[in-house]
């Protein structure tokens, strides 16, 4: 290899890719390997992880519960921004990577490591998300990306390598999906999903029922927000981890949160992914309902313009950037009055609004009603319409009075008598 490495911190999941990376690093770099696994809500995927890492050659394995900072420092800001990539993807993998990479750099400093490594392929977005974070916090660390170096070119090759090294893995040639799971979502890629004509197989789904298998009786949920942040469920205040877990369970049972997307990757290709995000889908819908109730028109519309840019930054791994921080400052200002509750009916994949309220609501019945006019005088509308429609009136008069035809089609006025 081009440079000497003494000790490397590997972002470790225990999945196929990172399982074979530990022996590969030792064989090809002759270095010590420290594995780091962030507990972001993978549940059973973390079982036996430390033993597996040590058994395959790591000198140490960190496993840290980062679910709370993941939700409160990454998910909630993105939710408040209303950021959704290409209108559908709730960014479940995207904002997990900067958190993991930042902690990797911190562990590298504590352990005296001179390198960091990840198991991302050279075709995907995750390599960018990890490495932009490495650069943001310690650009002097050497970055090792085995998928850009080794001669393994497919998951079949990786499975074969794992068998040669006697590494236990769950992936097989029959079960070939690539999954990423955390407390916010689970993604499914690869295998027969690589053909966008193939529908997802029902047995693939983990968090959600199909609409056909969802209960025939709907569920009602009420979500409470404080300054744009979810803080309670069904009248009970609770911590962020518990709230997301409970909403995942309720939403998944009622078939909420499945999306099948052909998305545009940062590296230039399209990819097909199937995502399950039950809690996130409900929370985004509830947050939108509350903003519509509370936020003034101009601020709401301007925020909606910025949301795709925020989503693009998160998707591209540009979390630790001045622009994302500046957008957060704007978003946090808009959220000062996004406090209240939203009630939904969940039924066979549908989220139906069943009520919303806020002490800062800008909806006032006395303004919207067709009754008393002591607040809103309907006669005032005539002057408003005259001024608002003045440009249209002038364009029309150009032809009627001066015979000059505007650059858009007009009715035939020759049939009408002029005074």
Protein backbone atom coordinates (compact mmCIF):
# COMPACT_ATOMS: atom_id res chain seq x y z
CA UNK A 1 0.00 0.00 0.00
CA UNK A 2 1.07 3.60 -0.63
CA UNK A 3 1.54 4.65 3.00
CA UNK A 4 2.18 3.01 6.35
CA UNK A 5 -0.75 2.72 8.76
CA UNK A 6 -0.33 1.70 12.38
CA UNK A 7 -3.86 1.78 13.74
CA UNK A 8 -7.23 2.29 12.04
CA UNK A 9 -10.75 2.90 13.39
CA UNK A 10 -13.31 1.10 11.25
CA UNK A 11 -16.99 2.03 11.07
CA UNK A 12 -18.32 -1.45 11.82
CA UNK A 13 -21.81 -2.85 11.43
CA UNK A 14 -21.10 -6.56 11.48
CA UNK A 15 -22.71 -6.87 8.07
CA UNK A 16 -21.16 -8.50 5.05
CA UNK A 17 -18.92 -5.64 3.94
CA UNK A 18 -17.43 -4.57 7.26
CA UNK A 19 -17.07 -8.18 8.44
CA UNK A 20 -14.57 -8.96 5.69
CA UNK A 21 -12.82 -5.60 6.00
CA UNK A 22 -11.21 -6.38 9.38
CA UNK A 23 -9.09 -9.30 8.09
CA UNK A 24 -8.51 -7.48 4.80
CA UNK A 25 -7.07 -4.44 6.62
CA UNK A 26 -4.77 -6.65 8.66
CA UNK A 27 -3.62 -8.59 5.60
CA UNK A 28 -3.08 -5.56 3.36
CA UNK A 29 -2.01 -2.79 5.75
CA UNK A 30 -0.53 -4.83 8.59
CA UNK A 31 -2.26 -2.50 11.05
CA UNK A 32 -4.23 -2.83 14.24
CA UNK A 33 -7.99 -2.50 13.75
CA UNK A 34 -10.41 -0.92 16.21
CA UNK A 35 -14.06 -1.52 15.35
CA UNK A 36 -16.69 1.09 16.17
CA UNK A 37 -20.41 0.38 16.00
CA UNK A 38 -22.91 3.14 16.68
CA UNK A 39 -26.16 1.91 18.20
CA UNK A 40 -28.69 3.91 16.21
CA UNK A 41 -31.53 1.47 16.81
CA UNK A 42 -30.47 -1.60 14.83
CA UNK A 43 -31.77 -3.80 17.67
CA UNK A 44 -30.85 -7.47 17.15
CA UNK A 45 -28.19 -6.56 14.58
CA UNK A 46 -25.96 -5.50 17.50
CA UNK A 47 -26.16 -8.86 19.26
CA UNK A 48 -22.76 -10.55 19.51
CA UNK A 49 -21.12 -7.74 17.57
CA UNK A 50 -18.17 -7.19 19.90
CA UNK A 51 -17.35 -10.90 20.02
CA UNK A 52 -17.57 -11.12 16.24
CA UNK A 53 -15.27 -8.13 15.72
CA UNK A 54 -12.64 -9.52 18.09
CA UNK A 55 -12.92 -13.01 16.59
CA UNK A 56 -12.25 -11.64 13.12
CA UNK A 57 -9.15 -9.72 14.17
CA UNK A 58 -10.06 -6.41 15.81
CA UNK A 59 -8.08 -5.47 18.94
CA UNK A 60 -11.04 -3.59 20.42
CA UNK A 61 -14.69 -2.87 19.63
CA UNK A 62 -16.62 0.20 20.71
CA UNK A 63 -20.42 -0.09 20.79
CA UNK A 64 -22.11 3.15 21.84
CA UNK A 65 -25.78 4.02 22.21
CA UNK A 66 -26.16 7.19 20.12
CA UNK A 67 -29.92 6.98 19.51
CA UNK A 68 -30.75 10.10 21.53
CA UNK A 69 -28.21 12.44 19.87
CA UNK A 70 -29.09 10.89 16.51
CA UNK A 71 -32.73 11.88 16.91
CA UNK A 72 -32.30 15.22 18.64
CA UNK A 73 -29.24 16.59 16.81
CA UNK A 74 -29.80 15.19 13.32
CA UNK A 75 -33.38 13.97 12.78
CA UNK A 76 -35.23 16.79 14.55
CA UNK A 77 -33.36 19.61 12.71
CA UNK A 78 -34.10 17.91 9.38
CA UNK A 79 -37.75 17.42 10.33
CA UNK A 80 -38.07 21.07 11.37
CA UNK A 81 -36.62 22.08 8.01
CA UNK A 82 -39.24 19.96 6.22
CA UNK A 83 -36.38 18.44 4.21
CA UNK A 84 -37.35 15.53 1.95
CA UNK A 85 -34.99 14.43 -0.82
CA UNK A 86 -36.67 14.45 -4.24
CA UNK A 87 -40.03 14.77 -2.54
CA UNK A 88 -40.08 11.25 -1.07
CA UNK A 89 -36.94 10.12 0.76
CA UNK A 90 -36.86 10.99 4.47
CA UNK A 91 -33.04 10.75 4.61
CA UNK A 92 -32.80 7.90 7.11
CA UNK A 93 -29.35 6.74 5.99
CA UNK A 94 -28.07 10.15 4.95
CA UNK A 95 -27.95 11.89 8.32
CA UNK A 96 -26.76 8.79 10.19
CA UNK A 97 -23.38 8.82 8.43
CA UNK A 98 -22.11 12.23 9.67
CA UNK A 99 -22.90 11.23 13.25
CA UNK A 100 -21.00 7.94 12.92
CA UNK A 101 -18.05 9.55 11.13
CA UNK A 102 -17.74 12.34 13.70
CA UNK A 103 -17.57 9.82 16.54
CA UNK A 104 -15.04 7.79 14.54
CA UNK A 105 -12.71 10.79 14.42
CA UNK A 106 -13.11 11.30 18.17
CA UNK A 107 -12.26 7.64 18.86
CA UNK A 108 -9.26 7.87 16.53
CA UNK A 109 -7.95 10.78 18.58
CA UNK A 110 -8.52 8.96 21.87
CA UNK A 111 -6.83 5.76 20.60
CA UNK A 112 -3.95 7.42 18.80
CA UNK A 113 -5.07 6.01 15.44
CA UNK A 114 -3.65 7.44 12.25
CA UNK A 115 -6.42 6.23 9.91
CA UNK A 116 -10.14 5.68 9.60
CA UNK A 117 -11.96 3.24 7.34
CA UNK A 118 -15.48 2.56 6.09
CA UNK A 119 -17.22 -0.16 4.13
CA UNK A 120 -18.95 2.04 1.56
CA UNK A 121 -18.78 1.11 -2.09
CA UNK A 122 -17.24 3.38 -4.69
CA UNK A 123 -20.61 3.71 -6.41
CA UNK A 124 -22.67 5.09 -3.54
CA UNK A 125 -23.39 8.22 -1.56
CA UNK A 126 -22.20 6.97 1.82
CA UNK A 127 -18.52 7.22 0.96
CA UNK A 128 -19.01 10.96 0.43
CA UNK A 129 -20.97 11.38 3.67
CA UNK A 130 -18.27 9.67 5.72
CA UNK A 131 -15.33 11.37 4.08
CA UNK A 132 -16.71 14.91 4.11
CA UNK A 133 -17.12 14.51 7.87
CA UNK A 134 -13.58 13.17 8.23
CA UNK A 135 -12.32 16.22 6.37
CA UNK A 136 -14.40 18.55 8.51
CA UNK A 137 -12.92 17.28 11.78
CA UNK A 138 -9.45 15.88 11.01
CA UNK A 139 -8.24 16.01 7.41
CA UNK A 140 -4.87 14.62 8.50
CA UNK A 141 -6.29 11.15 9.07
CA UNK A 142 -5.68 8.66 6.29
CA UNK A 143 -8.96 7.38 4.85
CA UNK A 144 -9.10 3.74 3.76
CA UNK A 145 -12.00 2.73 1.52
CA UNK A 146 -11.47 -0.97 0.70
CA UNK A 147 -14.20 -1.08 -1.96
CA UNK A 148 -12.08 1.38 -3.98
CA UNK A 149 -8.95 -0.73 -3.59
CA UNK A 150 -9.64 -4.46 -3.48
CA UNK A 151 -10.55 -6.81 -6.33
CA UNK A 152 -13.92 -7.74 -4.80
CA UNK A 153 -16.51 -6.45 -7.25
CA UNK A 154 -19.84 -7.85 -6.08
CA UNK A 155 -21.69 -9.10 -3.04
CA UNK A 156 -21.20 -12.63 -4.39
CA UNK A 157 -17.42 -12.03 -4.33
CA UNK A 158 -17.71 -10.70 -0.77
CA UNK A 159 -19.67 -13.76 0.35
CA UNK A 160 -17.03 -16.00 -1.17
CA UNK A 161 -14.23 -14.07 0.60
CA UNK A 162 -16.07 -14.32 3.93
CA UNK A 163 -16.33 -18.09 3.57
CA UNK A 164 -12.62 -18.32 2.80
CA UNK A 165 -11.87 -16.42 6.03
CA UNK A 166 -14.47 -18.40 8.04
CA UNK A 167 -16.41 -15.23 8.88
CA UNK A 168 -20.07 -15.86 9.82
CA UNK A 169 -22.47 -13.69 7.79
CA UNK A 170 -26.22 -13.52 7.30
CA UNK A 171 -26.13 -12.60 3.59
CA UNK A 172 -26.44 -15.44 1.09
CA UNK A 173 -26.82 -15.65 -2.67
CA UNK A 174 -30.53 -16.20 -2.10
CA UNK A 175 -30.85 -13.36 0.44
CA UNK A 176 -28.84 -10.74 -1.32
CA UNK A 177 -30.50 -7.46 -0.26
CA UNK A 178 -28.37 -4.70 1.18
CA UNK A 179 -30.12 -3.26 4.24
CA UNK A 180 -29.44 -0.28 6.46
CA UNK A 181 -31.48 -0.05 9.63
CA UNK A 182 -31.71 2.51 12.39
CA UNK A 183 -34.41 3.87 14.69
CA UNK A 184 -35.73 6.12 11.89
CA UNK A 185 -35.97 3.68 8.99
CA UNK A 186 -34.77 0.61 7.16
CA UNK A 187 -33.63 0.66 3.55
CA UNK A 188 -33.55 -2.22 1.07
CA UNK A 189 -31.37 -2.27 -2.05
CA UNK A 190 -29.78 -4.79 -4.38
CA UNK A 191 -30.85 -8.24 -5.51
CA UNK A 192 -34.03 -8.34 -7.56
CA UNK A 193 -34.70 -4.68 -6.62
CA UNK A 194 -32.00 -3.67 -9.10
CA UNK A 195 -34.61 -4.16 -11.82
CA UNK A 196 -37.10 -1.31 -11.27
CA UNK A 197 -39.80 -3.41 -12.92
CA UNK A 198 -39.71 -5.93 -10.09
CA UNK A 199 -42.13 -5.21 -7.24
CA UNK A 200 -40.72 -5.61 -3.72
CA UNK A 201 -41.41 -9.00 -2.21
CA UNK A 202 -43.62 -8.89 0.86
CA UNK A 203 -41.27 -11.04 2.92
CA UNK A 204 -38.57 -8.38 2.52
CA UNK A 205 -40.35 -5.81 4.69
CA UNK A 206 -39.38 -5.55 8.36
CA UNK A 207 -41.12 -2.57 9.96
CA UNK A 208 -44.41 -2.32 8.08
CA UNK A 209 -47.46 -4.38 7.19
CA UNK A 210 -48.92 -4.26 3.73
CA UNK A 211 -52.27 -2.43 3.51
CA UNK A 212 -53.90 -5.81 2.90
CA UNK A 213 -52.53 -7.17 6.19
CA UNK A 214 -53.13 -4.02 8.23
CA UNK A 215 -55.95 -4.02 10.83
CA UNK A 216 -59.47 -3.34 9.60
CA UNK A 217 -59.98 -0.95 12.51
CA UNK A 218 -58.14 2.42 12.30
CA UNK A 219 -55.84 3.79 15.00
CA UNK A 220 -55.90 7.37 16.24
CA UNK A 221 -52.71 9.14 17.35
CA UNK A 222 -52.18 12.63 18.73
CA UNK A 223 -48.72 14.17 18.47
CA UNK A 224 -47.60 17.14 20.54
CA UNK A 225 -44.95 19.60 19.36
CA UNK A 226 -42.96 22.26 21.17
CA UNK A 227 -41.18 24.75 18.89
CA UNK A 228 -41.22 22.29 16.02
CA UNK A 229 -39.95 19.35 18.07
CA UNK A 230 -42.15 16.30 18.81
CA UNK A 231 -42.42 15.96 22.60
CA UNK A 232 -45.51 13.87 23.30
CA UNK A 233 -47.78 11.13 22.05
CA UNK A 234 -51.47 10.65 22.92
CA UNK A 235 -51.37 13.16 25.75
CA UNK A 236 -48.23 11.76 27.37
CA UNK A 237 -44.87 13.57 27.34
CA UNK A 238 -41.99 11.21 26.52
CA UNK A 239 -38.35 11.17 25.51
CA UNK A 240 -37.40 11.24 21.84
CA UNK A 241 -36.30 7.60 21.61
CA UNK A 242 -39.51 6.24 23.15
CA UNK A 243 -41.67 8.51 20.99
CA UNK A 244 -40.09 7.34 17.73
CA UNK A 245 -40.19 3.70 18.81
CA UNK A 246 -43.89 3.85 19.67
CA UNK A 247 -44.81 5.66 16.47
CA UNK A 248 -42.83 3.11 14.45
CA UNK A 249 -44.83 0.32 16.03
CA UNK A 250 -48.22 1.99 15.51
CA UNK A 251 -47.44 3.26 12.02
CA UNK A 252 -45.86 0.01 10.87
CA UNK A 253 -48.86 -1.99 12.04
CA UNK A 254 -51.15 0.22 9.95
CA UNK A 255 -48.98 0.07 6.80
CA UNK A 256 -47.62 3.61 7.06
CA UNK A 257 -44.26 4.61 5.63
CA UNK A 258 -43.39 2.44 2.63
CA UNK A 259 -41.82 4.13 -0.39
CA UNK A 260 -40.26 2.69 -3.54
CA UNK A 261 -37.94 5.23 -5.17
CA UNK A 262 -35.64 5.54 -8.14
CA UNK A 263 -33.40 8.31 -6.82
CA UNK A 264 -30.54 10.35 -8.21
CA UNK A 265 -27.34 9.55 -6.38
CA UNK A 266 -24.74 12.23 -5.80
CA UNK A 267 -22.17 10.26 -7.80
CA UNK A 268 -24.26 10.59 -10.96
CA UNK A 269 -26.21 7.36 -11.35
CA UNK A 270 -29.77 6.44 -10.54
CA UNK A 271 -30.49 3.79 -7.94
CA UNK A 272 -33.62 2.01 -6.77
CA UNK A 273 -34.31 1.82 -3.06
CA UNK A 274 -37.26 0.68 -0.97
CA UNK A 275 -37.62 2.40 2.40
CA UNK A 276 -39.74 1.85 5.49
CA UNK A 277 -40.13 4.95 7.67
CA UNK A 278 -43.39 4.70 9.62
CA UNK A 279 -42.68 7.13 12.49
CA UNK A 280 -40.96 9.60 10.18
CA UNK A 281 -43.85 9.62 7.71
CA UNK A 282 -46.32 10.39 10.50
CA UNK A 283 -44.12 13.07 12.09
CA UNK A 284 -43.49 14.88 8.80
CA UNK A 285 -47.23 14.91 8.08
CA UNK A 286 -48.00 16.22 11.57
CA UNK A 287 -45.31 18.90 11.41
CA UNK A 288 -46.66 20.09 8.05
CA UNK A 289 -50.18 20.33 9.45
CA UNK A 290 -49.00 22.47 12.35
CA UNK A 291 -46.95 24.78 10.15
CA UNK A 292 -49.94 25.35 7.88
CA UNK A 293 -51.98 26.35 10.92
CA UNK A 294 -49.42 28.62 12.55
CA UNK A 295 -47.00 30.04 10.00
CA UNK A 296 -47.75 33.14 7.91
CA UNK A 297 -48.00 32.72 4.16
CA UNK A 298 -44.77 34.41 3.08
CA UNK A 299 -42.59 32.64 5.64
CA UNK A 300 -44.21 29.27 4.90
CA UNK A 301 -43.73 29.62 1.15
CA UNK A 302 -40.13 30.79 1.50
CA UNK A 303 -39.35 27.92 3.87
CA UNK A 304 -40.84 25.49 1.35
CA UNK A 305 -38.41 26.87 -1.23
CA UNK A 306 -35.42 26.23 1.04
CA UNK A 307 -36.44 22.74 2.17
CA UNK A 308 -35.21 20.95 -1.00
CA UNK A 309 -31.81 22.62 -0.64
CA UNK A 310 -31.57 21.50 2.98
CA UNK A 311 -32.49 17.96 1.89
CA UNK A 312 -29.86 18.06 -0.84
CA UNK A 313 -27.18 19.10 1.66
CA UNK A 314 -28.11 16.24 3.99
CA UNK A 315 -28.30 13.72 1.14
CA UNK A 316 -24.90 14.81 -0.16
CA UNK A 317 -23.24 14.47 3.24
CA UNK A 318 -22.70 18.21 3.64
CA UNK A 319 -23.97 18.26 7.22
CA UNK A 320 -21.01 20.03 8.80
CA UNK A 321 -21.05 23.02 6.47
CA UNK A 322 -21.65 26.75 6.99
CA UNK A 323 -24.68 26.69 4.69
CA UNK A 324 -26.46 23.95 6.64
CA UNK A 325 -25.77 25.81 9.88
CA UNK A 326 -27.05 29.07 8.36
CA UNK A 327 -30.24 27.35 7.16
CA UNK A 328 -30.71 25.97 10.67
CA UNK A 329 -30.64 29.51 12.04
CA UNK A 330 -33.48 30.47 9.70
CA UNK A 331 -35.43 27.27 10.38
CA UNK A 332 -35.14 27.65 14.16
CA UNK A 333 -36.54 31.17 13.92
CA UNK A 334 -39.55 29.89 11.95
CA UNK A 335 -40.20 27.21 14.58
CA UNK A 336 -40.62 29.52 17.56
CA UNK A 337 -44.43 29.21 17.44
CA UNK A 338 -44.75 25.70 15.97
CA UNK A 339 -46.30 24.44 19.19
CA UNK A 340 -49.50 22.46 19.44
CA UNK A 341 -51.04 19.07 18.73
CA UNK A 342 -52.10 17.19 15.61
CA UNK A 343 -54.47 14.21 15.56
CA UNK A 344 -54.42 11.58 12.82
CA UNK A 345 -56.43 8.53 11.85
CA UNK A 346 -54.16 5.77 10.53
CA UNK A 347 -55.87 3.27 8.26
CA UNK A 348 -54.35 0.80 5.79
CA UNK A 349 -51.48 3.01 4.66
CA UNK A 350 -53.41 6.29 4.86
CA UNK A 351 -52.81 9.21 7.21
CA UNK A 352 -56.05 11.14 7.62
CA UNK A 353 -56.08 14.43 9.50
CA UNK A 354 -58.50 14.31 12.42
CA UNK A 355 -57.74 17.67 14.01
CA UNK A 356 -55.04 20.19 14.85
CA UNK A 357 -54.71 23.00 17.37
CA UNK A 358 -52.15 25.52 18.57
CA UNK A 359 -52.15 28.52 20.91
CA UNK A 360 -50.40 30.37 18.07
CA UNK A 361 -52.88 29.44 15.35
CA UNK A 362 -53.33 32.11 12.67
CA UNK A 363 -56.60 30.53 11.62
CA UNK A 364 -59.42 32.59 13.08
CA UNK A 365 -63.02 31.62 12.50
CA UNK A 366 -64.17 35.25 12.60
CA UNK A 367 -61.97 35.98 9.56
CA UNK A 368 -62.92 32.91 7.53
CA UNK A 369 -66.65 32.91 8.22
CA UNK A 370 -69.23 34.36 5.84
CA UNK A 371 -71.07 35.83 8.81
CA UNK A 372 -70.39 39.08 10.67
CA UNK A 373 -68.27 41.69 8.89
CA UNK A 374 -66.92 43.67 11.82
CA UNK A 375 -63.44 42.16 11.28
CA UNK A 376 -63.42 41.61 7.53
CA UNK A 377 -65.42 43.97 5.31
CA UNK A 378 -66.23 42.18 2.07
CA UNK A 379 -66.63 45.54 0.27
CA UNK A 380 -62.89 46.09 0.69
CA UNK A 381 -62.29 43.20 -1.71
CA UNK A 382 -63.37 45.29 -4.72
CA UNK A 383 -60.48 47.72 -4.39
CA UNK A 384 -58.05 44.89 -3.74
CA UNK A 385 -59.17 43.05 -6.88
CA UNK A 386 -58.91 46.24 -8.96
CA UNK A 387 -55.30 46.77 -7.91
CA UNK A 388 -54.33 43.11 -8.03
CA UNK A 389 -55.80 42.77 -11.52
CA UNK A 390 -54.45 46.08 -12.86
CA UNK A 391 -51.66 44.50 -14.98
CA UNK A 392 -54.20 42.25 -16.70
CA UNK A 393 -56.51 45.18 -17.32
CA UNK A 394 -53.73 47.28 -18.86
CA UNK A 395 -52.64 44.48 -21.19
CA UNK A 396 -56.18 44.04 -22.40
CA UNK A 397 -56.67 47.78 -22.97
CA UNK A 398 -53.54 47.85 -25.14
CA UNK A 399 -55.42 45.84 -27.77
CA UNK A 400 -58.92 47.21 -27.20
CA UNK A 401 -58.03 50.88 -27.33
CA UNK A 402 -54.77 50.99 -29.28
CA UNK A 403 -55.06 47.96 -31.55
CA UNK A 404 -51.82 46.37 -30.38
CA UNK A 405 -52.07 42.63 -29.87
CA UNK A 406 -50.52 41.27 -26.66
CA UNK A 407 -48.29 38.20 -26.82
CA UNK A 408 -51.00 35.84 -25.60
CA UNK A 409 -54.24 34.64 -27.10
CA UNK A 410 -57.32 36.83 -26.51
CA UNK A 411 -61.04 36.30 -27.06
CA UNK A 412 -62.64 37.71 -30.19
CA UNK A 413 -64.00 41.08 -29.02
CA UNK A 414 -65.42 42.00 -32.46
CA UNK A 415 -68.71 40.41 -31.45
CA UNK A 416 -69.19 42.94 -28.67
CA UNK A 417 -70.47 46.47 -29.25
CA UNK A 418 -68.26 49.29 -27.93
CA UNK A 419 -69.69 52.45 -26.43
